[in-house]
Amino acid sequence: MRILSALVAGFLSSPPPKAVLATLVWLGGRSHPVITLLATLAILAAWRRPDD
């Protein structure tokens, strides 16, 4: 649960562009829920990482 809350906090502090959110909505409507979950987690993890 700590990992999920850390990911959500990072996501909310610097939200992704609207295109990323639109893609997630599009993917969610057309694919299996597990695929949508994995894609969402991957985007959250990438957004949480500090910039290099």
Protein backbone atom coordinates (compact mmCIF):
# COMPACT_ATOMS: atom_id res chain seq x y z
CA MET A 1 0.00 0.00 0.00
CA ARG A 2 2.95 2.33 0.65
CA ILE A 3 4.15 1.87 -2.92
CA LEU A 4 0.75 2.68 -4.36
CA SER A 5 0.39 5.82 -2.23
CA ALA A 6 3.89 6.96 -3.24
CA LEU A 7 3.06 6.46 -6.91
CA VAL A 8 -0.20 8.35 -6.62
CA ALA A 9 1.50 11.20 -4.75
CA GLY A 10 4.11 11.50 -7.50
CA PHE A 11 1.40 11.40 -10.14
CA LEU A 12 -0.64 14.13 -8.46
CA SER A 13 2.31 16.42 -7.82
CA SER A 14 3.20 16.57 -11.53
CA PRO A 15 0.35 15.28 -13.70
CA PRO A 16 1.04 13.86 -17.16
CA PRO A 17 -0.04 15.55 -20.37
CA LYS A 18 -3.64 15.15 -21.52
CA ALA A 19 -2.49 12.89 -24.36
CA VAL A 20 -1.22 10.30 -21.86
CA LEU A 21 -4.50 10.35 -19.96
CA ALA A 22 -6.49 10.12 -23.20
CA THR A 23 -4.41 7.12 -24.25
CA LEU A 24 -5.08 5.39 -20.93
CA VAL A 25 -8.82 5.99 -21.31
CA TRP A 26 -8.72 4.70 -24.88
CA LEU A 27 -6.70 1.63 -23.84
CA GLY A 28 -9.00 0.97 -20.90
CA GLY A 29 -12.05 0.88 -23.11
CA ARG A 30 -10.57 -1.50 -25.65
CA SER A 31 -8.36 -3.96 -23.80
CA HIS A 32 -8.40 -6.48 -21.00
CA PRO A 33 -8.46 -4.91 -17.50
CA VAL A 34 -5.10 -6.48 -16.62
CA ILE A 35 -3.47 -4.81 -19.63
CA THR A 36 -4.96 -1.47 -18.58
CA LEU A 37 -3.71 -1.95 -15.03
CA LEU A 38 -0.19 -2.80 -16.20
CA ALA A 39 -0.08 0.20 -18.52
CA THR A 40 -1.32 2.49 -15.76
CA LEU A 41 1.28 1.18 -13.32
CA ALA A 42 4.03 1.59 -15.91
CA ILE A 43 3.04 5.21 -16.55
CA LEU A 44 2.81 5.93 -12.82
CA ALA A 45 6.24 4.38 -12.21
CA ALA A 46 7.80 6.32 -15.07
CA TRP A 47 6.23 9.56 -13.90
CA ARG A 48 7.45 8.98 -10.34
CA ARG A 49 11.12 8.61 -11.36
CA PRO A 50 13.26 11.72 -10.95
CA ASP A 51 14.43 13.42 -14.12
CA ASP A 52 17.95 12.59 -15.20
